[in-house]
Structures are given as C-alpha cells and as structure tokens.
C-alpha atoms as a PDB file:
ATOM      1  CA  MET A   1       0.000   0.000   0.000  1.00  0.00           C
ATOM      2  CA  ILE A   2       3.040   2.266   0.418  1.00  0.00           C
ATOM      3  CA  CYS A   3       3.668   1.976  -3.338  1.00  0.00           C
ATOM      4  CA  VAL A   4       0.093   2.822  -4.352  1.00  0.00           C
ATOM      5  CA  PHE A   5       0.892   6.534  -4.621  1.00  0.00           C
ATOM      6  CA  HIS A   6       3.918   5.881  -6.821  1.00  0.00           C
ATOM      7  CA  HIS A   7       2.108   3.396  -9.055  1.00  0.00           C
ATOM      8  CA  SER A   8      -1.074   5.434  -9.424  1.00  0.00           C
ATOM      9  CA  SER A   9       0.559   7.609 -12.092  1.00  0.00           C
ATOM     10  CA  GLU A  10      -1.107   6.983 -15.463  1.00  0.00           C
ATOM     11  CA  ASP A  11       1.942   8.403 -17.235  1.00  0.00           C
ATOM     12  CA  TYR A  12       5.428   6.914 -17.215  1.00  0.00           C
ATOM     13  CA  SER A  13       8.256   9.426 -17.283  1.00  0.00           C
ATOM     14  CA  LEU A  14      11.205  10.657 -15.256  1.00  0.00           C
ATOM     15  CA  PHE A  15       8.752  12.656 -13.142  1.00  0.00           C
ATOM     16  CA  THR A  16       7.093   9.399 -12.056  1.00  0.00           C
ATOM     17  CA  SER A  17      10.302   8.500 -10.218  1.00  0.00           C
ATOM     18  CA  SER A  18       9.836  11.449  -7.850  1.00  0.00           C
ATOM     19  CA  ARG A  19       6.217  10.513  -7.138  1.00  0.00           C
ATOM     20  CA  ILE A  20       7.083   9.005  -3.761  1.00  0.00           C
ATOM     21  CA  SER A  21       4.717   8.399  -0.857  1.00  0.00           C
ATOM     22  CA  ILE A  22       5.208  10.297   2.393  1.00  0.00           C
ATOM     23  CA  PHE A  23       5.157   6.884   4.100  1.00  0.00           C
ATOM     24  CA  GLN A  24       8.046   5.543   2.010  1.00  0.00           C
ATOM     25  CA  ARG A  25      10.689   6.099   4.697  1.00  0.00           C
ATOM     26  CA  VAL A  26       8.702   3.922   7.092  1.00  0.00           C
ATOM     27  CA  THR A  27       9.535   0.903   4.947  1.00  0.00           C
ATOM     28  CA  TYR A  28      13.268   1.626   5.236  1.00  0.00           C
ATOM     29  CA  PHE A  29      13.323   1.359   9.021  1.00  0.00           C
ATOM     30  CA  GLY A  30      15.432  -1.533  10.282  1.00  0.00           C
ATOM     31  CA  PHE A  31      16.965  -2.495   6.947  1.00  0.00           C
ATOM     32  CA  TYR A  32      19.981  -0.185   6.904  1.00  0.00           C
ATOM     33  CA  HIS A  33      20.611   0.090  10.641  1.00  0.00           C
ATOM     34  CA  PRO A  34      22.391  -3.316  10.943  1.00  0.00           C
ATOM     35  CA  LEU A  35      25.058  -2.011   8.544  1.00  0.00           C
ATOM     36  CA  ALA A  36      26.318   0.188  11.384  1.00  0.00           C
ATOM     37  CA  LEU A  37      26.975  -2.946  13.476  1.00  0.00           C
ATOM     38  CA  LEU A  38      29.128  -4.245  10.621  1.00  0.00           C
ATOM     39  CA  GLY A  39      31.260  -1.112  10.775  1.00  0.00           C
ATOM     40  CA  ILE A  40      30.133   0.349   7.434  1.00  0.00           C
ATOM     41  CA  PRO A  41      30.466   4.163   7.540  1.00  0.00           C
ATOM     42  CA  VAL A  42      27.313   6.250   7.205  1.00  0.00           C
ATOM     43  CA  ALA A  43      28.905   8.165   4.313  1.00  0.00           C
ATOM     44  CA  SER A  44      29.308   4.946   2.318  1.00  0.00           C
ATOM     45  CA  VAL A  45      25.672   4.009   2.866  1.00  0.00           C
ATOM     46  CA  MET A  46      24.516   7.467   1.782  1.00  0.00           C
ATOM     47  CA  VAL A  47      26.612   7.335  -1.400  1.00  0.00           C
ATOM     48  CA  HIS A  48      25.199   3.937  -2.340  1.00  0.00           C
ATOM     49  CA  LEU A  49      21.650   5.143  -1.625  1.00  0.00           C
ATOM     50  CA  ALA A  50      22.271   8.149  -3.870  1.00  0.00           C
ATOM     51  CA  PHE A  51      23.404   5.878  -6.709  1.00  0.00           C
ATOM     52  CA  ASN A  52      20.359   3.685  -6.168  1.00  0.00           C
ATOM     53  CA  PHE A  53      18.022   6.689  -6.388  1.00  0.00           C
ATOM     54  CA  LEU A  54      19.820   7.837  -9.533  1.00  0.00           C
ATOM     55  CA  ILE A  55      19.209   4.460 -11.167  1.00  0.00           C
ATOM     56  CA  GLN A  56      15.559   4.564 -10.092  1.00  0.00           C
ATOM     57  CA  PHE A  57      15.241   7.947 -11.749  1.00  0.00           C
ATOM     58  CA  TRP A  58      16.696   6.611 -14.996  1.00  0.00           C
ATOM     59  CA  VAL A  59      14.536   3.481 -15.297  1.00  0.00           C
ATOM     60  CA  HIS A  60      11.335   5.547 -15.326  1.00  0.00           C
ATOM     61  CA  SER A  61      11.453   6.262 -19.044  1.00  0.00           C
ATOM     62  CA  GLU A  62       9.589   5.186 -22.164  1.00  0.00           C
ATOM     63  CA  ASP A  63      12.304   6.551 -24.433  1.00  0.00           C
ATOM     64  CA  VAL A  64      14.916   3.870 -23.694  1.00  0.00           C
ATOM     65  CA  GLY A  65      14.398   0.558 -25.469  1.00  0.00           C
ATOM     66  CA  LYS A  66      15.846  -2.831 -24.628  1.00  0.00           C
ATOM     67  CA  LEU A  67      19.561  -2.896 -23.811  1.00  0.00           C
ATOM     68  CA  GLY A  68      20.719  -6.320 -24.953  1.00  0.00           C
ATOM     69  CA  PRO A  69      22.895  -8.378 -22.554  1.00  0.00           C
ATOM     70  CA  LEU A  70      22.452  -5.796 -19.756  1.00  0.00           C
ATOM     71  CA  GLU A  71      18.836  -6.955 -19.501  1.00  0.00           C
ATOM     72  CA  TRP A  72      20.029 -10.279 -18.019  1.00  0.00           C
ATOM     73  CA  VAL A  73      21.618  -8.726 -14.949  1.00  0.00           C
ATOM     74  CA  PHE A  74      20.387  -5.173 -14.365  1.00  0.00           C
ATOM     75  CA  ASN A  75      17.008  -3.579 -13.928  1.00  0.00           C
ATOM     76  CA  THR A  76      16.372  -1.457 -17.029  1.00  0.00           C
ATOM     77  CA  PRO A  77      13.620   0.882 -18.249  1.00  0.00           C
ATOM     78  CA  SER A  78      12.145  -2.021 -20.213  1.00  0.00           C
ATOM     79  CA  HIS A  79      11.939  -4.245 -17.125  1.00  0.00           C
ATOM     80  CA  HIS A  80      10.571  -1.477 -14.922  1.00  0.00           C
ATOM     81  CA  ARG A  81       7.893  -0.525 -17.433  1.00  0.00           C
ATOM     82  CA  VAL A  82       6.474  -3.999 -16.884  1.00  0.00           C
ATOM     83  CA  HIS A  83       6.565  -3.444 -13.114  1.00  0.00           C
ATOM     84  CA  HIS A  84       4.388  -0.328 -13.527  1.00  0.00           C
ATOM     85  CA  GLY A  85       1.859  -1.970 -15.840  1.00  0.00           C
ATOM     86  CA  ALA A  86      -1.754  -2.674 -14.881  1.00  0.00           C
ATOM     87  CA  ASN A  87      -2.031  -5.345 -17.578  1.00  0.00           C
ATOM     88  CA  LYS A  88      -2.682  -8.792 -16.184  1.00  0.00           C
ATOM     89  CA  TRP A  89       0.700 -10.127 -17.359  1.00  0.00           C
ATOM     90  CA  CYS A  90       2.518  -7.226 -15.629  1.00  0.00           C
ATOM     91  CA  LEU A  91       1.128  -7.697 -12.120  1.00  0.00           C
ATOM     92  CA  ASP A  92       3.600  -8.648  -9.358  1.00  0.00           C
ATOM     93  CA  LYS A  93       6.563  -8.730 -11.747  1.00  0.00           C
ATOM     94  CA  ASN A  94      10.094  -7.265 -11.874  1.00  0.00           C
ATOM     95  CA  TYR A  95      10.531  -6.068  -8.300  1.00  0.00           C
ATOM     96  CA  GLY A  96      14.305  -5.599  -8.729  1.00  0.00           C
ATOM     97  CA  SER A  97      15.733  -2.180  -7.913  1.00  0.00           C
ATOM     98  CA  VAL A  98      19.239  -2.321  -9.416  1.00  0.00           C
ATOM     99  CA  LEU A  99      19.579  -6.021 -10.253  1.00  0.00           C
ATOM    100  CA  ILE A 100      16.983  -8.082 -12.107  1.00  0.00           C
ATOM    101  CA  ILE A 101      18.662 -11.395 -11.255  1.00  0.00           C
ATOM    102  CA  TRP A 102      16.544 -11.731  -8.097  1.00  0.00           C
ATOM    103  CA  ASP A 103      13.335 -11.764 -10.137  1.00  0.00           C
ATOM    104  CA  ARG A 104      14.833 -14.358 -12.462  1.00  0.00           C
ATOM    105  CA  ILE A 105      15.790 -16.499  -9.448  1.00  0.00           C
ATOM    106  CA  PHE A 106      12.486 -16.215  -7.584  1.00  0.00           C
ATOM    107  CA  GLY A 107      10.168 -16.491 -10.594  1.00  0.00           C
ATOM    108  CA  THR A 108       8.806 -12.949 -10.703  1.00  0.00           C
ATOM    109  CA  PHE A 109      10.537 -11.911 -13.938  1.00  0.00           C
ATOM    110  CA  GLN A 110       8.526 -10.864 -16.964  1.00  0.00           C
ATOM    111  CA  GLU A 111      10.029  -9.551 -20.181  1.00  0.00           C
ATOM    112  CA  GLU A 112       8.363  -6.594 -21.856  1.00  0.00           C
ATOM    113  CA  ARG A 113       6.117  -7.653 -24.734  1.00  0.00           C
ATOM    114  CA  ASP A 114       6.363  -6.096 -28.160  1.00  0.00           C
ATOM    115  CA  ASP A 115       2.835  -7.086 -29.157  1.00  0.00           C
ATOM    116  CA  GLU A 116       0.867  -5.456 -26.316  1.00  0.00           C
ATOM    117  CA  GLU A 117       0.892  -1.870 -25.066  1.00  0.00           C
ATOM    118  CA  ILE A 118       1.383  -1.390 -21.337  1.00  0.00           C
ATOM    119  CA  VAL A 119      -1.342   0.439 -19.424  1.00  0.00           C
ATOM    120  CA  TYR A 120       0.208   2.436 -16.586  1.00  0.00           C
ATOM    121  CA  GLY A 121      -1.501   3.034 -13.261  1.00  0.00           C
ATOM    122  CA  LEU A 122      -3.419   0.809 -10.865  1.00  0.00           C
ATOM    123  CA  VAL A 123      -5.777  -1.990 -11.856  1.00  0.00           C
ATOM    124  CA  ASP A 124      -8.618  -0.123 -10.153  1.00  0.00           C
ATOM    125  CA  GLN A 125      -7.390   3.355 -11.084  1.00  0.00           C
ATOM    126  CA  PRO A 126      -8.582   6.096  -8.678  1.00  0.00           C
ATOM    127  CA  GLN A 127     -10.293   8.967 -10.464  1.00  0.00           C
ATOM    128  CA  SER A 128      -8.803  11.894  -8.610  1.00  0.00           C
ATOM    129  CA  MET A 129      -6.173  14.627  -8.912  1.00  0.00           C
ATOM    130  CA  ASN A 130      -6.003  15.066  -5.130  1.00  0.00           C
ATOM    131  CA  GLY A 131      -2.480  14.079  -4.060  1.00  0.00           C
ATOM    132  CA  VAL A 132      -3.394  13.886  -0.371  1.00  0.00           C
ATOM    133  CA  TRP A 133      -6.322  11.568  -1.108  1.00  0.00           C
ATOM    134  CA  HIS A 134      -4.033   9.381  -3.233  1.00  0.00           C
ATOM    135  CA  GLU A 135      -1.810   8.950  -0.166  1.00  0.00           C
ATOM    136  CA  ILE A 136      -4.531   7.661   2.144  1.00  0.00           C
ATOM    137  CA  PHE A 137      -7.471   6.271   0.142  1.00  0.00           C
ATOM    138  CA  TYR A 138      -6.105   2.715   0.023  1.00  0.00           C
ATOM    139  CA  PHE A 139      -5.876   2.484   3.794  1.00  0.00           C
ATOM    140  CA  GLU A 140      -9.683   2.662   3.877  1.00  0.00           C
ATOM    141  CA  LYS A 141      -9.925  -0.088   1.257  1.00  0.00           C
ATOM    142  CA  ILE A 142      -7.629  -2.341   3.307  1.00  0.00           C
ATOM    143  CA  TYR A 143      -9.628  -1.614   6.454  1.00  0.00           C
ATOM    144  CA  GLU A 144     -12.913  -2.504   4.746  1.00  0.00           C
ATOM    145  CA  LYS A 145     -11.399  -5.701   3.343  1.00  0.00           C
ATOM    146  CA  ALA A 146      -9.980  -6.748   6.731  1.00  0.00           C
ATOM    147  CA  LYS A 147     -13.258  -5.878   8.443  1.00  0.00           C
ATOM    148  CA  GLY A 148     -15.158  -8.168   6.082  1.00  0.00           C
ATOM    149  CA  MET A 149     -13.109 -11.266   6.965  1.00  0.00           C
ATOM    150  CA  SER A 150     -14.529 -13.988   9.191  1.00  0.00           C
ATOM    151  CA  SER A 151     -11.431 -14.548  11.355  1.00  0.00           C
ATOM    152  CA  TRP A 152      -8.554 -12.592  12.897  1.00  0.00           C
ATOM    153  CA  SER A 153      -6.006 -14.535  10.865  1.00  0.00           C
ATOM    154  CA  ASP A 154      -7.760 -13.680   7.590  1.00  0.00           C
ATOM    155  CA  SER A 155      -8.034 -10.029   8.674  1.00  0.00           C
ATOM    156  CA  LEU A 156      -4.275  -9.898   9.224  1.00  0.00           C
ATOM    157  CA  LYS A 157      -3.691 -11.574   5.870  1.00  0.00           C
ATOM    158  CA  ALA A 158      -5.904  -8.944   4.235  1.00  0.00           C
ATOM    159  CA  VAL A 159      -3.486  -6.324   5.596  1.00  0.00           C
ATOM    160  CA  PHE A 160      -0.146  -8.012   4.917  1.00  0.00           C
ATOM    161  CA  TYR A 161      -0.816 -10.205   1.873  1.00  0.00           C
ATOM    162  CA  GLY A 162      -1.163  -8.999  -1.713  1.00  0.00           C
ATOM    163  CA  PRO A 163      -4.088  -6.803  -2.778  1.00  0.00           C
ATOM    164  CA  GLY A 164      -5.498  -9.681  -4.861  1.00  0.00           C
ATOM    165  CA  TRP A 165      -5.527 -12.115  -1.943  1.00  0.00           C
ATOM    166  CA  PHE A 166      -8.746 -13.653  -0.666  1.00  0.00           C
ATOM    167  CA  PRO A 167      -9.283 -16.712   1.532  1.00  0.00           C
ATOM    168  CA  GLY A 168      -8.349 -19.865  -0.338  1.00  0.00           C
ATOM    169  CA  THR A 169      -5.920 -18.169  -2.754  1.00  0.00           C
ATOM    170  CA  PRO A 170      -2.095 -17.892  -2.717  1.00  0.00           C
ATOM    171  CA  ARG A 171      -0.376 -15.017  -0.871  1.00  0.00           C
ATOM    172  CA  LEU A 172      -0.523 -12.700  -3.899  1.00  0.00           C
ATOM    173  CA  GLY A 173      -3.956 -13.881  -5.005  1.00  0.00           C
ATOM    174  CA  ASP A 174      -5.147 -16.042  -7.891  1.00  0.00           C
ATOM    175  CA  PRO A 175      -3.989 -14.486 -11.211  1.00  0.00           C
ATOM    176  CA  ASP A 176      -6.963 -16.034 -12.999  1.00  0.00           C
ATOM    177  CA  THR A 177      -9.300 -13.761 -11.012  1.00  0.00           C
ATOM    178  CA  PHE A 178      -7.421 -10.511 -11.760  1.00  0.00           C
ATOM    179  CA  PRO A 179      -9.045  -8.040 -14.187  1.00  0.00           C
ATOM    180  CA  ASP A 180      -7.458  -8.127 -17.637  1.00  0.00           C
ATOM    181  CA  VAL A 181      -6.645  -4.461 -18.242  1.00  0.00           C
ATOM    182  CA  LYS A 182      -5.801  -3.651 -21.849  1.00  0.00           C
ATOM    183  CA  ALA A 183      -4.949  -0.539 -23.842  1.00  0.00           C
ATOM    184  CA  PRO A 184      -6.362   1.864 -24.653  1.00  0.00           C
ATOM    185  CA  ARG A 185      -7.704   2.881 -21.246  1.00  0.00           C
ATOM    186  CA  LYS A 186      -8.997   6.414 -20.920  1.00  0.00           C
ATOM    187  CA  LYS A 187      -6.934   8.506 -18.519  1.00  0.00           C
ATOM    188  CA  TYR A 188      -8.493  10.653 -15.846  1.00  0.00           C
ATOM    189  CA  ASP A 189      -8.184  14.146 -17.290  1.00  0.00           C
ATOM    190  CA  PRO A 190     -10.630  16.735 -15.894  1.00  0.00           C
ATOM    191  CA  GLN A 191     -10.893  19.755 -18.162  1.00  0.00           C
ATOM    192  CA  VAL A 192     -10.353  23.111 -16.453  1.00  0.00           C
ATOM    193  CA  PRO A 193      -9.818  26.601 -17.901  1.00  0.00           C
ATOM    194  CA  VAL A 194      -6.358  28.090 -18.414  1.00  0.00           C
ATOM    195  CA  TRP A 195      -6.848  30.689 -15.693  1.00  0.00           C
ATOM    196  CA  PHE A 196      -7.372  27.948 -13.113  1.00  0.00           C
ATOM    197  CA  LEU A 197      -4.280  26.065 -14.310  1.00  0.00           C
ATOM    198  CA  THR A 198      -2.286  29.297 -13.918  1.00  0.00           C
ATOM    199  CA  TYR A 199      -3.738  29.877 -10.451  1.00  0.00           C
ATOM    200  CA  THR A 200      -2.892  26.318  -9.422  1.00  0.00           C
ATOM    201  CA  ALA A 201       0.669  26.556 -10.752  1.00  0.00           C
ATOM    202  CA  LEU A 202       1.300  29.776  -8.802  1.00  0.00           C
ATOM    203  CA  HIS A 203      -0.004  28.355  -5.530  1.00  0.00           C
ATOM    204  CA  PHE A 204       1.861  25.072  -5.962  1.00  0.00           C
ATOM    205  CA  PHE A 205       5.034  27.091  -6.580  1.00  0.00           C
ATOM    206  CA  LEU A 206       4.444  29.062  -3.365  1.00  0.00           C
ATOM    207  CA  ALA A 207       3.856  25.805  -1.475  1.00  0.00           C
ATOM    208  CA  LEU A 208       7.151  24.503  -2.855  1.00  0.00           C
ATOM    209  CA  LEU A 209       8.924  27.647  -1.632  1.00  0.00           C
ATOM    210  CA  ALA A 210       7.307  27.144   1.775  1.00  0.00           C
ATOM    211  CA  GLN A 211       8.671  23.605   1.863  1.00  0.00           C
ATOM    212  CA  GLN A 212      12.178  24.822   1.031  1.00  0.00           C
ATOM    213  CA  MET A 213      12.018  27.486   3.729  1.00  0.00           C
ATOM    214  CA  MET A 214      10.858  24.901   6.235  1.00  0.00           C
ATOM    215  CA  LEU A 215      13.766  22.587   5.359  1.00  0.00           C
ATOM    216  CA  ILE A 216      16.328  25.414   5.537  1.00  0.00           C
ATOM    217  CA  HIS A 217      15.194  26.438   9.022  1.00  0.00           C
ATOM    218  CA  LEU A 218      14.173  22.966  10.218  1.00  0.00           C
ATOM    219  CA  LYS A 219      16.870  22.601  12.908  1.00  0.00           C
ATOM    220  CA  VAL A 220      16.166  25.980  14.495  1.00  0.00           C
ATOM    221  CA  SER A 221      12.356  26.053  14.143  1.00  0.00           C
ATOM    222  CA  PRO A 222      10.013  25.018  16.982  1.00  0.00           C
ATOM    223  CA  TRP A 223       7.796  22.008  16.344  1.00  0.00           C
ATOM    224  CA  TYR A 224       4.617  24.082  16.011  1.00  0.00           C
ATOM    225  CA  THR A 225       6.143  26.212  13.238  1.00  0.00           C
ATOM    226  CA  VAL A 226       7.056  23.049  11.314  1.00  0.00           C
ATOM    227  CA  GLY A 227       3.525  21.800  11.922  1.00  0.00           C
ATOM    228  CA  ILE A 228       2.043  25.010  10.514  1.00  0.00           C
ATOM    229  CA  PHE A 229       4.168  24.796   7.378  1.00  0.00           C
ATOM    230  CA  LEU A 230       3.340  21.111   6.844  1.00  0.00           C
ATOM    231  CA  SER A 231      -0.372  21.770   7.334  1.00  0.00           C
ATOM    232  CA  PHE A 232      -0.244  24.606   4.820  1.00  0.00           C
ATOM    233  CA  ILE A 233       1.531  22.439   2.230  1.00  0.00           C
ATOM    234  CA  PHE A 234      -0.844  19.495   2.635  1.00  0.00           C
ATOM    235  CA  LEU A 235      -3.879  21.773   2.601  1.00  0.00           C
ATOM    236  CA  THR A 236      -2.622  23.387  -0.610  1.00  0.00           C
ATOM    237  CA  VAL A 237      -2.263  20.035  -2.369  1.00  0.00           C
ATOM    238  CA  GLY A 238      -5.583  18.753  -1.025  1.00  0.00           C
ATOM    239  CA  ALA A 239      -7.674  21.849  -1.722  1.00  0.00           C
ATOM    240  CA  LEU A 240      -6.405  22.478  -5.248  1.00  0.00           C
ATOM    241  CA  GLY A 241      -6.605  18.789  -6.140  1.00  0.00           C
ATOM    242  CA  SER A 242     -10.179  18.671  -4.860  1.00  0.00           C
ATOM    243  CA  MET A 243     -11.128  21.536  -7.145  1.00  0.00           C
ATOM    244  CA  PHE A 244      -9.745  19.635 -10.136  1.00  0.00           C
ATOM    245  CA  ASP A 245     -12.060  16.790  -9.099  1.00  0.00           C
ATOM    246  CA  GLY A 246     -15.024  19.152  -8.833  1.00  0.00           C
ATOM    247  CA  TRP A 247     -15.576  18.514  -5.129  1.00  0.00           C
ATOM    248  CA  ARG A 248     -18.527  20.642  -3.981  1.00  0.00           C
ATOM    249  CA  TRP A 249     -16.858  22.084  -0.891  1.00  0.00           C
ATOM    250  CA  ALA A 250     -13.410  22.612  -2.447  1.00  0.00           C
ATOM    251  CA  PRO A 251     -13.861  26.389  -3.127  1.00  0.00           C
ATOM    252  CA  LEU A 252     -14.813  26.935   0.521  1.00  0.00           C
ATOM    253  CA  LEU A 253     -11.774  24.913   1.637  1.00  0.00           C
ATOM    254  CA  GLU A 254      -9.521  26.980  -0.653  1.00  0.00           C
ATOM    255  CA  ALA A 255     -11.002  30.212   0.710  1.00  0.00           C
ATOM    256  CA  ALA A 256     -10.311  28.988   4.255  1.00  0.00           C
ATOM    257  CA  ARG A 257      -6.725  28.075   3.295  1.00  0.00           C
ATOM    258  CA  CYS A 258      -6.062  31.548   1.895  1.00  0.00           C
ATOM    259  CA  ALA A 259      -7.707  33.166   4.931  1.00  0.00           C
ATOM    260  CA  ALA A 260      -5.522  31.077   7.257  1.00  0.00           C
ATOM    261  CA  PHE A 261      -2.425  32.323   5.417  1.00  0.00           C
ATOM    262  CA  LEU A 262      -3.610  35.928   5.848  1.00  0.00           C
ATOM    263  CA  LEU A 263      -4.079  35.430   9.594  1.00  0.00           C
ATOM    264  CA  TYR A 264      -0.586  33.971   9.911  1.00  0.00           C
ATOM    265  CA  ALA A 265       1.109  36.530   7.646  1.00  0.00           C
ATOM    266  CA  ARG A 266      -0.620  39.431   9.403  1.00  0.00           C
ATOM    267  CA  THR A 267       1.652  39.080  12.432  1.00  0.00           C
ATOM    268  CA  THR A 268       4.530  36.960  11.122  1.00  0.00           C
ATOM    269  CA  PRO A 269       6.798  38.034   8.229  1.00  0.00           C
ATOM    270  CA  ILE A 270       7.079  35.253   5.669  1.00  0.00           C
ATOM    271  CA  TYR A 271      10.246  36.225   3.803  1.00  0.00           C
ATOM    272  CA  GLY A 272      11.319  39.258   5.813  1.00  0.00           C
ATOM    273  CA  VAL A 273      11.333  41.434   2.680  1.00  0.00           C
ATOM    274  CA  PRO A 274       8.535  44.043   3.042  1.00  0.00           C
ATOM    275  CA  MET A 275       7.672  44.289  -0.667  1.00  0.00           C
ATOM    276  CA  VAL A 276       7.600  40.511  -1.140  1.00  0.00           C
ATOM    277  CA  ASP A 277       5.507  39.961   1.985  1.00  0.00           C
ATOM    278  CA  ALA A 278       3.085  42.711   0.917  1.00  0.00           C
ATOM    279  CA  ALA A 279       2.728  41.146  -2.560  1.00  0.00           C
ATOM    280  CA  LEU A 280       2.040  37.733  -1.027  1.00  0.00           C
ATOM    281  CA  PHE A 281      -0.532  39.207   1.350  1.00  0.00           C
ATOM    282  CA  LEU A 282      -2.304  40.945  -1.543  1.00  0.00           C
ATOM    283  CA  PHE A 283      -2.237  37.794  -3.686  1.00  0.00           C
ATOM    284  CA  PHE A 284      -3.742  35.624  -0.969  1.00  0.00           C
ATOM    285  CA  ALA A 285      -6.308  38.304  -0.112  1.00  0.00           C
ATOM    286  CA  MET A 286      -7.491  38.368  -3.731  1.00  0.00           C
ATOM    287  CA  SER A 287      -7.562  34.553  -3.758  1.00  0.00           C
ATOM    288  CA  ALA A 288      -9.617  34.472  -0.559  1.00  0.00           C
ATOM    289  CA  VAL A 289     -12.167  36.914  -2.007  1.00  0.00           C
ATOM    290  CA  LEU A 290     -12.388  34.937  -5.261  1.00  0.00           C
ATOM    291  CA  TRP A 291     -13.072  31.591  -3.619  1.00  0.00           C
ATOM    292  CA  THR A 292     -15.360  32.987  -0.939  1.00  0.00           C
ATOM    293  CA  SER A 293     -17.611  34.347  -3.688  1.00  0.00           C
ATOM    294  CA  GLN A 294     -17.328  31.081  -5.638  1.00  0.00           C
ATOM    295  CA  SER A 295     -18.171  29.001  -2.567  1.00  0.00           C
ATOM    296  CA  LEU A 296     -21.322  31.083  -1.953  1.00  0.00           C
ATOM    297  CA  LEU A 297     -22.450  30.334  -5.504  1.00  0.00           C
ATOM    298  CA  VAL A 298     -21.772  26.627  -5.075  1.00  0.00           C
ATOM    299  CA  ILE A 299     -23.525  26.371  -1.709  1.00  0.00           C
ATOM    300  CA  GLY A 300     -26.617  28.003  -3.194  1.00  0.00           C
ATOM    301  CA  SER A 301     -26.610  25.695  -6.207  1.00  0.00           C
ATOM    302  CA  PRO A 302     -28.271  22.241  -6.318  1.00  0.00           C
ATOM    303  CA  ALA A 303     -25.326  20.859  -8.316  1.00  0.00           C
ATOM    304  CA  LYS A 304     -23.185  18.288  -6.519  1.00  0.00           C
ATOM    305  CA  ALA A 305     -19.989  19.150  -8.368  1.00  0.00           C
ATOM    306  CA  VAL A 306     -18.057  22.319  -9.195  1.00  0.00           C
ATOM    307  CA  LYS A 307     -17.426  23.288 -12.781  1.00  0.00           C
ATOM    308  CA  PHE A 308     -15.201  26.168 -13.794  1.00  0.00           C
ATOM    309  CA  GLU A 309     -15.843  28.345 -16.826  1.00  0.00           C
END
C-alpha cells in the first residue's frame, strides 16, 4: 500500500520516479541500521543510496528501449515498465531495484512484450487529482477488506498479503481472477480553464517555496512552526486537487486556506522582505475573495460538483 501513490501515475516518465509516498521512509526502518553494526560508515551508505536513487530515476522512461545483454543482470527501463503496468501479465513482476537477477531467481521476472501496449496506473485506477487523497485512500480499502473477513487470521492476511488475496488463494492472489486491463484505457483528465491552471501553478510554486524554507530552518524552528508549514503544504495540495475533481466544498476549503495564510502573515513576516511579503498578502487576499464568492455560488446551487468556466 506504500507503493500505491507511486504506481497510481497513469503516465510513465522521469517525473514518475519522484512521485514518492510520504510513508516511504517507514519501509526503510530496520533495513539499513544493521550495517552500522558491521562497521560500514554512514557516508558509504549514503553514497550507495544516492546511486540507487539515480538508477531509479533513470529506469522511469519510455524513451529507452531494450539494452541487450544488460537486460540479463540489471534492472532497465524495459523491465521497470512492466513493473508499472496494470495489464494482467505485468502484475507482481520485476521487483528488482538495481539487479533483475533476483526476479529471475524467484520467478517474478517478466520480459516486456512487443505485441501489447502497457497500461500504466493501478488496476482499479482512482479517479482523482487530489495528491493527499491518493496517499490515504487505500488504507480505507484495506480496512474494509480486513473488516469483512470472518477470522482474525484472515483479517491480518488482508493487511499483509497482496491486494489480490482472498481466503483460499495464494499469498498474492489467484492471477486467474485478476481483471485483464488492456490498452487503450482512458486517462483521468478533468478539463479546467487556463486561468485555473495558472492559479494552481502559482499556488503550488508558493507551497514549494514554503517547503524549502521549512527545510532550511528545520533545525532551528520550533515544532509548532514546522507543523504550521506542513499543514499549509498538505492543505494546498488537497484543496487544489479537490477543485480539479469538482468537489462541492473545495472552493470553501480553498477560501479557508487563503484566509488562514492571511491570519498567519498578518503578524509573522514570511520572507522578511517588506515588498515581497506585501505582494504575497495581496495575492492571498485576492484569492480568498475569489473563492469565498465562488463558494457562496456553489452552496446556493443544487449541483453536486463544481465546474469552472
């Protein structure tokens, strides 16, 4: 379930490699720590991790074809494209990070086919542009699945076994019961006007700057300041993503987000440069007015979804 966020991308490019879940680091705990007991320096571990991440960045590409003899030993873009496929023949294949030999040894290797286009994304692809929802929606699905089991052991298996598992099937489920996803599959692509795309890009850019400021001052900032910055960043991603999805209450949530920024910036300088802080205050004030008026229109409308003109 940690990889759901990464694999939910319906496109396959270098940007997909940076689509990492906020829970990803949880899965690392306990795996690298024993290296310290073996006397391996932290610097060496960090260098090797950096090289690993660099390789992971490279394999997320549709522009690199098959690489001949290298395909026997190393994970390549061709192998990893299979790993990201929702096609039935792609499921639970090519787990290798740097080396593909482990998949060949343990029977999870699948060569990329030339006669069938790969469909990227999840088998049951979520129809949403909300990044925060993408992070957490599958936890609810796992909970509902575990809740529906008739015994504690089956409930635990529902959590820790593969998503296709059900009582009476192997650990990863019965492949014969998996949906056979084939291309072309229509991608989720809500149509919004250019002005809203521009608005979203500006606010995402400001959220990115807020993240960088938080990281720069992380060691000297009190915990509540870090909490405020994190809340602002998550609220930005959630509110703007919800408006792409047409969520009824998204304009009101965006108005509240902008108003919260105004309350914070009213007494606390953001950048410490008067002209920059004044421009930010004006920008968020205009945004708050815009979405307050929009939310009043939506609340008074019988429509269940928001549509921008």
